[in-house]
Amino acid sequence: MRHEPTHRVLAVIEALSADGPPLPLTELARASDASRSTLHAVLEHMRDEGWAEKVTGGWRAGPRLREVGAAAAAGVDLVGAAREPLEELARDTGIGAVVIEARDGLAEVVDAVGAGMRTAAREVMPVGHVTPIRAPFARELAARFTLAEQRGWFADGTGITDAARERLELVLPRSPAADGRSSG
């Protein structure tokens, strides 16, 4: 049997834990299936306890929620957990696969699996290889950037063709969330 108040709080915690811009009250109400008044009371209590923060644009994880999340993540070997799926991906596609860690505008290869027999290029970037995150590299990361960050990513791109720029602009999000704006 589901306990509704607990379900609502857990839904709010889950929503606040997601990476991205602050969430307006309307999005949190939809995620938690709670009325705005109930949700407002929950969020105020969470703010008092450090689990949520009210910022421009809505609500985000507070310092206590970030602390608990960091403690939980500290015991998880994400690279090790990704190894088997990475090997399956390389085997199934015949294309080498890498895991990168992005920080300070740079991407460092932290794990790599060679390609299978379906491709002539069997070598992958070696572990430890560092490259700037510039267009057209790391378009999957750029899809999560704000519009301003995407513009900077494009501006830093060296050798990106007009045709590639047009294709990327077509597929990158143009929603209010991608622009760092939100309503509610």
Protein backbone atom coordinates (compact mmCIF):
# COMPACT_ATOMS: atom_id res chain seq x y z
CA MET A 1 0.00 0.00 0.00
CA ARG A 2 1.38 3.37 -1.05
CA HIS A 3 1.61 6.09 1.59
CA GLU A 4 0.75 9.27 -0.34
CA PRO A 5 2.62 11.84 1.81
CA THR A 6 5.79 9.75 1.64
CA HIS A 7 5.33 9.21 -2.09
CA ARG A 8 5.03 12.99 -2.64
CA VAL A 9 8.18 13.78 -0.66
CA LEU A 10 10.17 11.07 -2.46
CA ALA A 11 8.91 12.36 -5.83
CA VAL A 12 10.07 15.88 -4.90
CA ILE A 13 13.49 14.59 -3.80
CA GLU A 14 13.82 12.66 -7.05
CA ALA A 15 12.84 15.70 -9.13
CA LEU A 16 15.21 18.00 -7.25
CA SER A 17 18.02 15.47 -7.67
CA ALA A 18 17.84 15.60 -11.46
CA ASP A 19 20.54 17.59 -13.21
CA GLY A 20 19.28 20.74 -14.86
CA PRO A 21 17.87 24.17 -14.18
CA PRO A 22 15.77 24.96 -11.10
CA LEU A 23 12.26 23.53 -11.26
CA PRO A 24 9.22 25.77 -10.98
CA LEU A 25 6.49 24.83 -8.52
CA THR A 26 4.20 23.73 -11.37
CA GLU A 27 6.72 21.12 -12.60
CA LEU A 28 7.31 19.84 -9.08
CA ALA A 29 3.55 19.59 -8.52
CA ARG A 30 3.21 17.56 -11.70
CA ALA A 31 6.12 15.28 -10.74
CA SER A 32 4.81 14.68 -7.22
CA ASP A 33 1.10 14.58 -8.07
CA ALA A 34 0.50 17.06 -5.26
CA SER A 35 -1.52 20.26 -5.08
CA ARG A 36 0.45 23.49 -5.15
CA SER A 37 -0.54 24.28 -1.54
CA THR A 38 0.57 20.85 -0.27
CA LEU A 39 3.75 21.06 -2.29
CA HIS A 40 4.48 24.57 -1.02
CA ALA A 41 4.25 23.31 2.58
CA VAL A 42 6.52 20.34 1.77
CA LEU A 43 9.10 22.57 0.05
CA GLU A 44 9.11 25.14 2.87
CA HIS A 45 9.82 22.39 5.40
CA MET A 46 12.50 20.92 3.11
CA ARG A 47 14.05 24.40 2.80
CA ASP A 48 14.06 24.82 6.60
CA GLU A 49 15.92 21.49 6.91
CA GLY A 50 18.37 22.22 4.06
CA TRP A 51 16.93 19.66 1.61
CA ALA A 52 15.69 22.25 -0.92
CA GLU A 53 16.60 25.79 -1.99
CA LYS A 54 14.39 28.44 -3.57
CA VAL A 55 16.33 30.25 -6.28
CA THR A 56 15.54 32.36 -9.31
CA GLY A 57 13.51 30.17 -11.62
CA GLY A 58 12.22 27.75 -8.99
CA TRP A 59 13.56 25.11 -6.64
CA ARG A 60 16.71 23.01 -6.62
CA ALA A 61 18.43 20.52 -4.34
CA GLY A 62 19.56 22.09 -1.09
CA PRO A 63 22.92 21.55 0.63
CA ARG A 64 21.70 18.60 2.72
CA LEU A 65 20.32 16.76 -0.33
CA ARG A 66 23.56 17.42 -2.24
CA GLU A 67 25.58 16.19 0.75
CA VAL A 68 23.59 12.96 0.98
CA GLY A 69 23.82 12.46 -2.79
CA ALA A 70 27.58 13.02 -2.78
CA ALA A 71 28.03 10.56 0.09
CA ALA A 72 26.00 7.94 -1.76
CA ALA A 73 27.88 8.52 -5.01
CA ALA A 74 31.28 8.36 -3.31
CA GLY A 75 30.87 4.64 -2.82
CA VAL A 76 29.89 3.97 -6.46
CA ASP A 77 32.51 3.16 -9.07
CA LEU A 78 30.73 4.62 -12.11
CA VAL A 79 33.53 3.75 -14.51
CA GLY A 80 33.53 0.16 -13.30
CA ALA A 81 29.73 0.00 -13.50
CA ALA A 82 29.86 1.27 -17.10
CA ARG A 83 32.51 -1.25 -18.20
CA GLU A 84 30.23 -4.17 -19.15
CA PRO A 85 27.72 -2.01 -21.10
CA LEU A 86 30.68 -0.28 -22.79
CA GLU A 87 32.08 -3.64 -23.90
CA GLU A 88 28.62 -4.71 -25.16
CA LEU A 89 28.28 -1.45 -27.10
CA ALA A 90 31.65 -1.89 -28.77
CA ARG A 91 30.93 -5.54 -29.54
CA ASP A 92 27.42 -4.87 -30.92
CA THR A 93 28.37 -1.85 -33.04
CA GLY A 94 31.93 -2.70 -34.01
CA ILE A 95 32.91 0.82 -32.95
CA GLY A 96 35.26 1.69 -30.12
CA ALA A 97 33.65 3.28 -27.07
CA VAL A 98 34.97 5.53 -24.34
CA VAL A 99 33.85 6.93 -21.01
CA ILE A 100 34.79 10.56 -20.50
CA GLU A 101 34.85 12.77 -17.46
CA ALA A 102 34.01 16.39 -18.24
CA ARG A 103 35.34 19.21 -16.08
CA ASP A 104 36.54 22.75 -16.60
CA GLY A 105 35.75 22.69 -20.33
CA LEU A 106 37.86 19.57 -20.90
CA ALA A 107 36.96 15.93 -21.50
CA GLU A 108 39.31 13.22 -20.23
CA VAL A 109 39.03 9.59 -21.33
CA VAL A 110 38.73 7.48 -18.15
CA ASP A 111 37.96 4.13 -19.82
CA ALA A 112 38.11 2.81 -23.37
CA VAL A 113 37.13 -0.35 -25.21
CA GLY A 114 38.49 -1.19 -28.66
CA ALA A 115 36.29 -1.70 -31.69
CA GLY A 116 35.24 -5.02 -33.11
CA MET A 117 35.76 -6.35 -36.61
CA ARG A 118 33.21 -4.18 -38.47
CA THR A 119 35.35 -1.08 -38.66
CA ALA A 120 38.77 -0.33 -40.04
CA ALA A 121 39.48 2.08 -37.17
CA ARG A 122 40.02 -0.26 -34.25
CA GLU A 123 41.95 2.16 -32.10
CA VAL A 124 40.19 4.30 -29.56
CA MET A 125 41.37 7.35 -27.68
CA PRO A 126 43.67 6.11 -24.93
CA VAL A 127 42.80 6.44 -21.26
CA GLY A 128 44.19 9.75 -20.07
CA HIS A 129 43.61 11.54 -23.39
CA VAL A 130 42.31 15.07 -22.75
CA THR A 131 40.54 17.23 -25.30
CA PRO A 132 38.67 20.54 -25.07
CA ILE A 133 34.88 20.33 -25.20
CA ARG A 134 34.39 22.29 -28.41
CA ALA A 135 32.02 21.92 -31.33
CA PRO A 136 31.45 19.54 -32.93
CA PHE A 137 32.96 17.26 -30.23
CA ALA A 138 30.71 16.30 -27.30
CA ARG A 139 27.41 17.31 -28.90
CA GLU A 140 25.66 15.01 -26.42
CA LEU A 141 26.99 17.18 -23.59
CA ALA A 142 26.10 20.37 -25.46
CA ALA A 143 22.48 19.23 -25.68
CA ARG A 144 22.31 19.70 -21.89
CA PHE A 145 23.88 23.17 -21.94
CA THR A 146 21.90 26.36 -21.54
CA LEU A 147 21.48 28.37 -24.74
CA ALA A 148 24.31 30.70 -23.65
CA GLU A 149 26.62 27.72 -23.02
CA GLN A 150 25.69 26.26 -26.41
CA ARG A 151 26.60 29.55 -28.10
CA GLY A 152 29.97 29.50 -26.33
CA TRP A 153 30.46 25.86 -27.38
CA PHE A 154 29.77 26.81 -31.00
CA ALA A 155 32.01 29.90 -30.79
CA ASP A 156 34.91 27.82 -29.45
CA GLY A 157 34.50 25.25 -32.25
CA THR A 158 37.53 25.18 -34.50
CA GLY A 159 37.04 23.94 -38.03
CA ILE A 160 33.31 23.36 -37.70
CA THR A 161 31.67 23.73 -41.09
CA ASP A 162 28.56 25.80 -41.72
CA ALA A 163 26.70 22.63 -42.70
CA ALA A 164 27.68 20.92 -39.42
CA ARG A 165 26.69 24.02 -37.45
CA GLU A 166 23.27 24.07 -39.16
CA ARG A 167 22.69 20.37 -38.43
CA LEU A 168 23.66 20.80 -34.78
CA GLU A 169 21.42 23.83 -34.37
CA LEU A 170 18.52 21.76 -35.70
CA VAL A 171 18.91 18.98 -33.13
CA LEU A 172 19.92 20.90 -30.03
CA PRO A 173 17.02 21.80 -27.72
CA ARG A 174 15.48 25.23 -27.94
CA SER A 175 13.02 24.89 -25.05
CA PRO A 176 12.86 27.42 -22.20
CA ALA A 177 14.77 24.90 -20.05
CA ALA A 178 17.61 24.83 -22.59
CA ASP A 179 17.74 28.61 -22.42
CA GLY A 180 17.96 28.55 -18.63
CA ARG A 181 14.49 30.13 -18.36
CA SER A 182 11.44 28.60 -16.83
CA SER A 183 8.01 29.69 -15.74
CA GLY A 184 6.03 29.17 -12.56
